[in-house]
Amino acid sequence: MKERWPVIDTHFHIGVNPLIHVTEQDMLKWMDDNGIDIQIAMQVNEGFTHETPDWNPFLGNDFIAKLQRNHPNRIIGLGRVHPW
């Protein structure tokens, strides 16, 4: 087998809001279907929150950190900080 560089996607929004509903399983399937080895993932646009809120377990930096912990060789989490 020929050695190759890893394929890295640097921009993927994951989570649930009124416009997007992408789960962990959806992202992993998409990665596998498209030959993505490493995914840099961030929360959906409304996700200016550090902690995952009770009303939406698919939001927040805590959720992104959990994804990275669950898949340390495949997912790099990108956290957000609200500038205001």
PDB file of N, CA and C in Angstrom:
ATOM      1  N   MET A   1       0.849  -1.192   0.000  1.00  0.00           N
ATOM      2  CA  MET A   1       0.000   0.000   0.000  1.00  0.00           C
ATOM      3  C   MET A   1       0.888   1.247   0.000  1.00  0.00           C
ATOM      4  N   LYS A   2       0.538   2.188  -0.825  1.00  0.00           N
ATOM      5  CA  LYS A   2       1.287   3.435  -0.939  1.00  0.00           C
ATOM      6  C   LYS A   2       0.940   4.357   0.230  1.00  0.00           C
ATOM      7  N   GLU A   3       1.984   4.954   0.822  1.00  0.00           N
ATOM      8  CA  GLU A   3       1.763   5.886   1.916  1.00  0.00           C
ATOM      9  C   GLU A   3       1.189   7.191   1.368  1.00  0.00           C
ATOM     10  N   ARG A   4       0.315   7.837   2.142  1.00  0.00           N
ATOM     11  CA  ARG A   4      -0.288   9.098   1.697  1.00  0.00           C
ATOM     12  C   ARG A   4      -0.384  10.059   2.874  1.00  0.00           C
ATOM     13  N   TRP A   5      -0.523  11.314   2.547  1.00  0.00           N
ATOM     14  CA  TRP A   5      -0.747  12.333   3.562  1.00  0.00           C
ATOM     15  C   TRP A   5      -2.173  12.198   4.075  1.00  0.00           C
ATOM     16  N   PRO A   6      -2.418  12.532   5.352  1.00  0.00           N
ATOM     17  CA  PRO A   6      -3.790  12.489   5.850  1.00  0.00           C
ATOM     18  C   PRO A   6      -4.624  13.592   5.203  1.00  0.00           C
ATOM     19  N   VAL A   7      -5.887  13.299   4.998  1.00  0.00           N
ATOM     20  CA  VAL A   7      -6.825  14.284   4.464  1.00  0.00           C
ATOM     21  C   VAL A   7      -7.477  14.970   5.663  1.00  0.00           C
ATOM     22  N   ILE A   8      -7.348  16.294   5.720  1.00  0.00           N
ATOM     23  CA  ILE A   8      -7.853  17.076   6.850  1.00  0.00           C
ATOM     24  C   ILE A   8      -8.857  18.094   6.333  1.00  0.00           C
ATOM     25  N   ASP A   9     -10.072  18.061   6.891  1.00  0.00           N
ATOM     26  CA  ASP A   9     -11.082  19.077   6.585  1.00  0.00           C
ATOM     27  C   ASP A   9     -11.039  20.082   7.721  1.00  0.00           C
ATOM     28  N   THR A  10     -10.884  21.342   7.392  1.00  0.00           N
ATOM     29  CA  THR A  10     -10.646  22.363   8.414  1.00  0.00           C
ATOM     30  C   THR A  10     -11.873  23.166   8.821  1.00  0.00           C
ATOM     31  N   HIS A  11     -13.058  22.806   8.336  1.00  0.00           N
ATOM     32  CA  HIS A  11     -14.230  23.620   8.667  1.00  0.00           C
ATOM     33  C   HIS A  11     -15.489  22.759   8.622  1.00  0.00           C
ATOM     34  N   PHE A  12     -15.998  22.402   9.799  1.00  0.00           N
ATOM     35  CA  PHE A  12     -17.203  21.581   9.866  1.00  0.00           C
ATOM     36  C   PHE A  12     -18.018  22.018  11.069  1.00  0.00           C
ATOM     37  N   HIS A  13     -19.252  22.456  10.838  1.00  0.00           N
ATOM     38  CA  HIS A  13     -20.151  22.837  11.921  1.00  0.00           C
ATOM     39  C   HIS A  13     -20.961  21.624  12.343  1.00  0.00           C
ATOM     40  N   ILE A  14     -20.991  21.377  13.653  1.00  0.00           N
ATOM     41  CA  ILE A  14     -21.753  20.258  14.170  1.00  0.00           C
ATOM     42  C   ILE A  14     -22.626  20.748  15.314  1.00  0.00           C
ATOM     43  N   GLY A  15     -23.798  20.158  15.422  1.00  0.00           N
ATOM     44  CA  GLY A  15     -24.722  20.518  16.485  1.00  0.00           C
ATOM     45  C   GLY A  15     -26.135  20.621  15.964  1.00  0.00           C
ATOM     46  N   VAL A  16     -26.992  21.192  16.808  1.00  0.00           N
ATOM     47  CA  VAL A  16     -28.409  21.309  16.477  1.00  0.00           C
ATOM     48  C   VAL A  16     -28.850  22.733  16.731  1.00  0.00           C
ATOM     49  N   ASN A  17     -29.431  23.341  15.711  1.00  0.00           N
ATOM     50  CA  ASN A  17     -30.103  24.632  15.833  1.00  0.00           C
ATOM     51  C   ASN A  17     -31.263  24.613  14.839  1.00  0.00           C
ATOM     52  N   PRO A  18     -32.008  25.687  14.678  1.00  0.00           N
ATOM     53  CA  PRO A  18     -33.148  25.633  13.743  1.00  0.00           C
ATOM     54  C   PRO A  18     -32.766  25.324  12.291  1.00  0.00           C
ATOM     55  N   LEU A  19     -31.522  25.574  11.888  1.00  0.00           N
ATOM     56  CA  LEU A  19     -31.125  25.360  10.499  1.00  0.00           C
ATOM     57  C   LEU A  19     -30.272  24.108  10.289  1.00  0.00           C
ATOM     58  N   ILE A  20     -29.575  23.660  11.306  1.00  0.00           N
ATOM     59  CA  ILE A  20     -28.623  22.553  11.173  1.00  0.00           C
ATOM     60  C   ILE A  20     -28.957  21.472  12.194  1.00  0.00           C
ATOM     61  N   HIS A  21     -28.908  20.225  11.749  1.00  0.00           N
ATOM     62  CA  HIS A  21     -29.053  19.095  12.661  1.00  0.00           C
ATOM     63  C   HIS A  21     -28.040  18.042  12.238  1.00  0.00           C
ATOM     64  N   VAL A  22     -26.821  18.170  12.776  1.00  0.00           N
ATOM     65  CA  VAL A  22     -25.739  17.256  12.437  1.00  0.00           C
ATOM     66  C   VAL A  22     -25.235  16.629  13.732  1.00  0.00           C
ATOM     67  N   THR A  23     -25.349  15.312  13.835  1.00  0.00           N
ATOM     68  CA  THR A  23     -24.925  14.602  15.034  1.00  0.00           C
ATOM     69  C   THR A  23     -23.507  14.061  14.866  1.00  0.00           C
ATOM     70  N   GLU A  24     -22.980  13.525  15.942  1.00  0.00           N
ATOM     71  CA  GLU A  24     -21.659  12.902  15.925  1.00  0.00           C
ATOM     72  C   GLU A  24     -21.609  11.774  14.892  1.00  0.00           C
ATOM     73  N   GLN A  25     -22.648  10.945  14.866  1.00  0.00           N
ATOM     74  CA  GLN A  25     -22.707   9.838  13.909  1.00  0.00           C
ATOM     75  C   GLN A  25     -22.772  10.341  12.472  1.00  0.00           C
ATOM     76  N   ASP A  26     -23.532  11.424  12.237  1.00  0.00           N
ATOM     77  CA  ASP A  26     -23.600  12.023  10.895  1.00  0.00           C
ATOM     78  C   ASP A  26     -22.212  12.464  10.438  1.00  0.00           C
ATOM     79  N   MET A  27     -21.476  13.132  11.327  1.00  0.00           N
ATOM     80  CA  MET A  27     -20.162  13.642  10.969  1.00  0.00           C
ATOM     81  C   MET A  27     -19.198  12.497  10.664  1.00  0.00           C
ATOM     82  N   LEU A  28     -19.181  11.465  11.506  1.00  0.00           N
ATOM     83  CA  LEU A  28     -18.269  10.345  11.282  1.00  0.00           C
ATOM     84  C   LEU A  28     -18.588   9.622   9.977  1.00  0.00           C
ATOM     85  N   LYS A  29     -19.875   9.452   9.675  1.00  0.00           N
ATOM     86  CA  LYS A  29     -20.262   8.816   8.414  1.00  0.00           C
ATOM     87  C   LYS A  29     -19.811   9.673   7.234  1.00  0.00           C
ATOM     88  N   TRP A  30     -20.037  10.985   7.327  1.00  0.00           N
ATOM     89  CA  TRP A  30     -19.619  11.901   6.270  1.00  0.00           C
ATOM     90  C   TRP A  30     -18.103  11.821   6.064  1.00  0.00           C
ATOM     91  N   MET A  31     -17.346  11.779   7.168  1.00  0.00           N
ATOM     92  CA  MET A  31     -15.891  11.673   7.080  1.00  0.00           C
ATOM     93  C   MET A  31     -15.492  10.387   6.362  1.00  0.00           C
ATOM     94  N   ASP A  32     -16.092   9.271   6.769  1.00  0.00           N
ATOM     95  CA  ASP A  32     -15.763   7.986   6.151  1.00  0.00           C
ATOM     96  C   ASP A  32     -16.151   7.953   4.675  1.00  0.00           C
ATOM     97  N   ASP A  33     -17.332   8.463   4.356  1.00  0.00           N
ATOM     98  CA  ASP A  33     -17.802   8.460   2.966  1.00  0.00           C
ATOM     99  C   ASP A  33     -16.929   9.312   2.047  1.00  0.00           C
ATOM    100  N   ASN A  34     -16.287  10.341   2.622  1.00  0.00           N
ATOM    101  CA  ASN A  34     -15.518  11.282   1.808  1.00  0.00           C
ATOM    102  C   ASN A  34     -14.002  11.176   1.997  1.00  0.00           C
ATOM    103  N   GLY A  35     -13.555  10.153   2.685  1.00  0.00           N
ATOM    104  CA  GLY A  35     -12.127   9.934   2.844  1.00  0.00           C
ATOM    105  C   GLY A  35     -11.426  10.946   3.726  1.00  0.00           C
ATOM    106  N   ILE A  36     -12.152  11.523   4.685  1.00  0.00           N
ATOM    107  CA  ILE A  36     -11.575  12.508   5.597  1.00  0.00           C
ATOM    108  C   ILE A  36     -10.964  11.762   6.785  1.00  0.00           C
ATOM    109  N   ASP A  37      -9.679  11.977   7.037  1.00  0.00           N
ATOM    110  CA  ASP A  37      -9.001  11.334   8.158  1.00  0.00           C
ATOM    111  C   ASP A  37      -9.148  12.120   9.452  1.00  0.00           C
ATOM    112  N   ILE A  38      -9.022  13.437   9.350  1.00  0.00           N
ATOM    113  CA  ILE A  38      -9.077  14.310  10.517  1.00  0.00           C
ATOM    114  C   ILE A  38     -10.039  15.453  10.212  1.00  0.00           C
ATOM    115  N   GLN A  39     -10.893  15.750  11.186  1.00  0.00           N
ATOM    116  CA  GLN A  39     -11.904  16.796  11.012  1.00  0.00           C
ATOM    117  C   GLN A  39     -11.714  17.860  12.077  1.00  0.00           C
ATOM    118  N   ILE A  40     -11.631  19.117  11.681  1.00  0.00           N
ATOM    119  CA  ILE A  40     -11.668  20.214  12.641  1.00  0.00           C
ATOM    120  C   ILE A  40     -13.123  20.639  12.750  1.00  0.00           C
ATOM    121  N   ALA A  41     -13.683  20.454  13.947  1.00  0.00           N
ATOM    122  CA  ALA A  41     -15.116  20.663  14.151  1.00  0.00           C
ATOM    123  C   ALA A  41     -15.362  21.817  15.110  1.00  0.00           C
ATOM    124  N   MET A  42     -16.418  22.566  14.811  1.00  0.00           N
ATOM    125  CA  MET A  42     -16.840  23.679  15.669  1.00  0.00           C
ATOM    126  C   MET A  42     -18.347  23.635  15.814  1.00  0.00           C
ATOM    127  N   GLN A  43     -18.847  24.293  16.857  1.00  0.00           N
ATOM    128  CA  GLN A  43     -20.287  24.290  17.091  1.00  0.00           C
ATOM    129  C   GLN A  43     -21.024  25.158  16.070  1.00  0.00           C
ATOM    130  N   VAL A  44     -22.308  24.905  15.958  1.00  0.00           N
ATOM    131  CA  VAL A  44     -23.134  25.674  15.028  1.00  0.00           C
ATOM    132  C   VAL A  44     -23.079  27.151  15.388  1.00  0.00           C
ATOM    133  N   ASN A  45     -23.445  28.011  14.453  1.00  0.00           N
ATOM    134  CA  ASN A  45     -23.247  29.449  14.593  1.00  0.00           C
ATOM    135  C   ASN A  45     -23.880  30.082  15.817  1.00  0.00           C
ATOM    136  N   GLU A  46     -25.007  29.587  16.271  1.00  0.00           N
ATOM    137  CA  GLU A  46     -25.625  30.168  17.458  1.00  0.00           C
ATOM    138  C   GLU A  46     -24.935  29.727  18.736  1.00  0.00           C
ATOM    139  N   GLY A  47     -23.881  28.972  18.624  1.00  0.00           N
ATOM    140  CA  GLY A  47     -23.250  28.362  19.780  1.00  0.00           C
ATOM    141  C   GLY A  47     -22.236  29.210  20.502  1.00  0.00           C
ATOM    142  N   PHE A  48     -22.545  30.460  20.801  1.00  0.00           N
ATOM    143  CA  PHE A  48     -21.625  31.283  21.574  1.00  0.00           C
ATOM    144  C   PHE A  48     -21.784  30.971  23.048  1.00  0.00           C
ATOM    145  N   THR A  49     -21.435  29.751  23.422  1.00  0.00           N
ATOM    146  CA  THR A  49     -21.557  29.341  24.802  1.00  0.00           C
ATOM    147  C   THR A  49     -20.378  28.457  25.164  1.00  0.00           C
ATOM    148  N   HIS A  50     -19.884  28.604  26.358  1.00  0.00           N
ATOM    149  CA  HIS A  50     -18.761  27.780  26.798  1.00  0.00           C
ATOM    150  C   HIS A  50     -19.249  26.431  27.297  1.00  0.00           C
ATOM    151  N   GLU A  51     -20.289  26.448  28.113  1.00  0.00           N
ATOM    152  CA  GLU A  51     -20.819  25.216  28.676  1.00  0.00           C
ATOM    153  C   GLU A  51     -21.987  24.720  27.837  1.00  0.00           C
ATOM    154  N   THR A  52     -22.157  23.415  27.794  1.00  0.00           N
ATOM    155  CA  THR A  52     -23.288  22.843  27.068  1.00  0.00           C
ATOM    156  C   THR A  52     -24.555  23.076  27.882  1.00  0.00           C
ATOM    157  N   PRO A  53     -25.552  23.782  27.312  1.00  0.00           N
ATOM    158  CA  PRO A  53     -26.780  24.056  28.069  1.00  0.00           C
ATOM    159  C   PRO A  53     -27.654  22.810  28.187  1.00  0.00           C
ATOM    160  N   ASP A  54     -28.413  22.727  29.269  1.00  0.00           N
ATOM    161  CA  ASP A  54     -29.310  21.584  29.488  1.00  0.00           C
ATOM    162  C   ASP A  54     -30.328  21.445  28.366  1.00  0.00           C
ATOM    163  N   TRP A  55     -30.781  22.551  27.811  1.00  0.00           N
ATOM    164  CA  TRP A  55     -31.831  22.505  26.801  1.00  0.00           C
ATOM    165  C   TRP A  55     -31.323  22.056  25.430  1.00  0.00           C
ATOM    166  N   ASN A  56     -30.003  22.019  25.226  1.00  0.00           N
ATOM    167  CA  ASN A  56     -29.462  21.576  23.942  1.00  0.00           C
ATOM    168  C   ASN A  56     -28.116  20.882  24.163  1.00  0.00           C
ATOM    169  N   PRO A  57     -28.110  19.558  24.295  1.00  0.00           N
ATOM    170  CA  PRO A  57     -26.857  18.844  24.568  1.00  0.00           C
ATOM    171  C   PRO A  57     -25.897  18.818  23.381  1.00  0.00           C
ATOM    172  N   PHE A  58     -26.312  19.367  22.227  1.00  0.00           N
ATOM    173  CA  PHE A  58     -25.472  19.383  21.027  1.00  0.00           C
ATOM    174  C   PHE A  58     -24.936  20.773  20.748  1.00  0.00           C
ATOM    175  N   LEU A  59     -24.580  21.493  21.793  1.00  0.00           N
ATOM    176  CA  LEU A  59     -24.143  22.876  21.654  1.00  0.00           C
ATOM    177  C   LEU A  59     -23.080  23.155  22.705  1.00  0.00           C
ATOM    178  N   GLY A  60     -22.206  24.048  22.425  1.00  0.00           N
ATOM    179  CA  GLY A  60     -21.243  24.495  23.418  1.00  0.00           C
ATOM    180  C   GLY A  60     -19.865  23.885  23.270  1.00  0.00           C
ATOM    181  N   ASN A  61     -18.891  24.559  23.856  1.00  0.00           N
ATOM    182  CA  ASN A  61     -17.525  24.074  23.824  1.00  0.00           C
ATOM    183  C   ASN A  61     -17.384  22.733  24.520  1.00  0.00           C
ATOM    184  N   ASP A  62     -18.201  22.491  25.557  1.00  0.00           N
ATOM    185  CA  ASP A  62     -18.154  21.202  26.244  1.00  0.00           C
ATOM    186  C   ASP A  62     -18.513  20.066  25.291  1.00  0.00           C
ATOM    187  N   PHE A  63     -19.511  20.275  24.442  1.00  0.00           N
ATOM    188  CA  PHE A  63     -19.914  19.265  23.465  1.00  0.00           C
ATOM    189  C   PHE A  63     -18.772  18.986  22.485  1.00  0.00           C
ATOM    190  N   ILE A  64     -18.127  20.031  21.995  1.00  0.00           N
ATOM    191  CA  ILE A  64     -17.019  19.865  21.053  1.00  0.00           C
ATOM    192  C   ILE A  64     -15.853  19.144  21.735  1.00  0.00           C
ATOM    193  N   ALA A  65     -15.582  19.485  22.991  1.00  0.00           N
ATOM    194  CA  ALA A  65     -14.509  18.813  23.733  1.00  0.00           C
ATOM    195  C   ALA A  65     -14.821  17.330  23.916  1.00  0.00           C
ATOM    196  N   LYS A  66     -16.097  17.006  24.152  1.00  0.00           N
ATOM    197  CA  LYS A  66     -16.496  15.601  24.295  1.00  0.00           C
ATOM    198  C   LYS A  66     -16.254  14.836  22.995  1.00  0.00           C
ATOM    199  N   LEU A  67     -16.582  15.448  21.859  1.00  0.00           N
ATOM    200  CA  LEU A  67     -16.324  14.799  20.564  1.00  0.00           C
ATOM    201  C   LEU A  67     -14.834  14.513  20.388  1.00  0.00           C
ATOM    202  N   GLN A  68     -14.016  15.480  20.757  1.00  0.00           N
ATOM    203  CA  GLN A  68     -12.568  15.303  20.614  1.00  0.00           C
ATOM    204  C   GLN A  68     -12.068  14.203  21.539  1.00  0.00           C
ATOM    205  N   ARG A  69     -12.589  14.145  22.774  1.00  0.00           N
ATOM    206  CA  ARG A  69     -12.204  13.070  23.690  1.00  0.00           C
ATOM    207  C   ARG A  69     -12.630  11.699  23.167  1.00  0.00           C
ATOM    208  N   ASN A  70     -13.836  11.628  22.567  1.00  0.00           N
ATOM    209  CA  ASN A  70     -14.349  10.355  22.052  1.00  0.00           C
ATOM    210  C   ASN A  70     -13.584   9.867  20.827  1.00  0.00           C
ATOM    211  N   HIS A  71     -13.010  10.790  20.061  1.00  0.00           N
ATOM    212  CA  HIS A  71     -12.326  10.443  18.802  1.00  0.00           C
ATOM    213  C   HIS A  71     -11.013  11.227  18.694  1.00  0.00           C
ATOM    214  N   PRO A  72     -10.059  10.965  19.587  1.00  0.00           N
ATOM    215  CA  PRO A  72      -8.844  11.799  19.642  1.00  0.00           C
ATOM    216  C   PRO A  72      -7.966  11.748  18.390  1.00  0.00           C
ATOM    217  N   ASN A  73      -8.072  10.704  17.609  1.00  0.00           N
ATOM    218  CA  ASN A  73      -7.252  10.600  16.400  1.00  0.00           C
ATOM    219  C   ASN A  73      -7.963  11.108  15.158  1.00  0.00           C
ATOM    220  N   ARG A  74      -9.227  11.503  15.302  1.00  0.00           N
ATOM    221  CA  ARG A  74      -9.995  11.910  14.120  1.00  0.00           C
ATOM    222  C   ARG A  74     -10.554  13.320  14.206  1.00  0.00           C
ATOM    223  N   ILE A  75     -10.809  13.821  15.419  1.00  0.00           N
ATOM    224  CA  ILE A  75     -11.484  15.115  15.556  1.00  0.00           C
ATOM    225  C   ILE A  75     -10.624  16.078  16.371  1.00  0.00           C
ATOM    226  N   ILE A  76     -10.470  17.277  15.829  1.00  0.00           N
ATOM    227  CA  ILE A  76      -9.841  18.390  16.537  1.00  0.00           C
ATOM    228  C   ILE A  76     -10.948  19.401  16.792  1.00  0.00           C
ATOM    229  N   GLY A  77     -11.190  19.682  18.052  1.00  0.00           N
ATOM    230  CA  GLY A  77     -12.252  20.618  18.406  1.00  0.00           C
ATOM    231  C   GLY A  77     -11.773  22.052  18.376  1.00  0.00           C
ATOM    232  N   LEU A  78     -12.624  22.920  17.859  1.00  0.00           N
ATOM    233  CA  LEU A  78     -12.336  24.350  17.824  1.00  0.00           C
ATOM    234  C   LEU A  78     -13.355  25.032  18.723  1.00  0.00           C
ATOM    235  N   GLY A  79     -12.903  25.592  19.823  1.00  0.00           N
ATOM    236  CA  GLY A  79     -13.804  26.260  20.776  1.00  0.00           C
ATOM    237  C   GLY A  79     -14.095  27.679  20.348  1.00  0.00           C
ATOM    238  N   ARG A  80     -15.148  28.217  20.941  1.00  0.00           N
ATOM    239  CA  ARG A  80     -15.558  29.599  20.646  1.00  0.00           C
ATOM    240  C   ARG A  80     -15.587  30.432  21.908  1.00  0.00           C
ATOM    241  N   VAL A  81     -15.300  31.700  21.738  1.00  0.00           N
ATOM    242  CA  VAL A  81     -15.399  32.667  22.829  1.00  0.00           C
ATOM    243  C   VAL A  81     -16.234  33.819  22.303  1.00  0.00           C
ATOM    244  N   HIS A  82     -17.285  34.176  23.032  1.00  0.00           N
ATOM    245  CA  HIS A  82     -18.136  35.305  22.635  1.00  0.00           C
ATOM    246  C   HIS A  82     -17.349  36.600  22.888  1.00  0.00           C
ATOM    247  N   PRO A  83     -17.178  37.423  21.863  1.00  0.00           N
ATOM    248  CA  PRO A  83     -16.348  38.609  22.026  1.00  0.00           C
ATOM    249  C   PRO A  83     -16.986  39.727  22.831  1.00  0.00           C
ATOM    250  N   TRP A  84     -18.283  39.626  23.130  1.00  0.00           N
ATOM    251  CA  TRP A  84     -18.939  40.676  23.893  1.00  0.00           C
ATOM    252  C   TRP A  84     -19.367  40.150  25.221  1.00  0.00           C
TER     253      TRP A  84
END
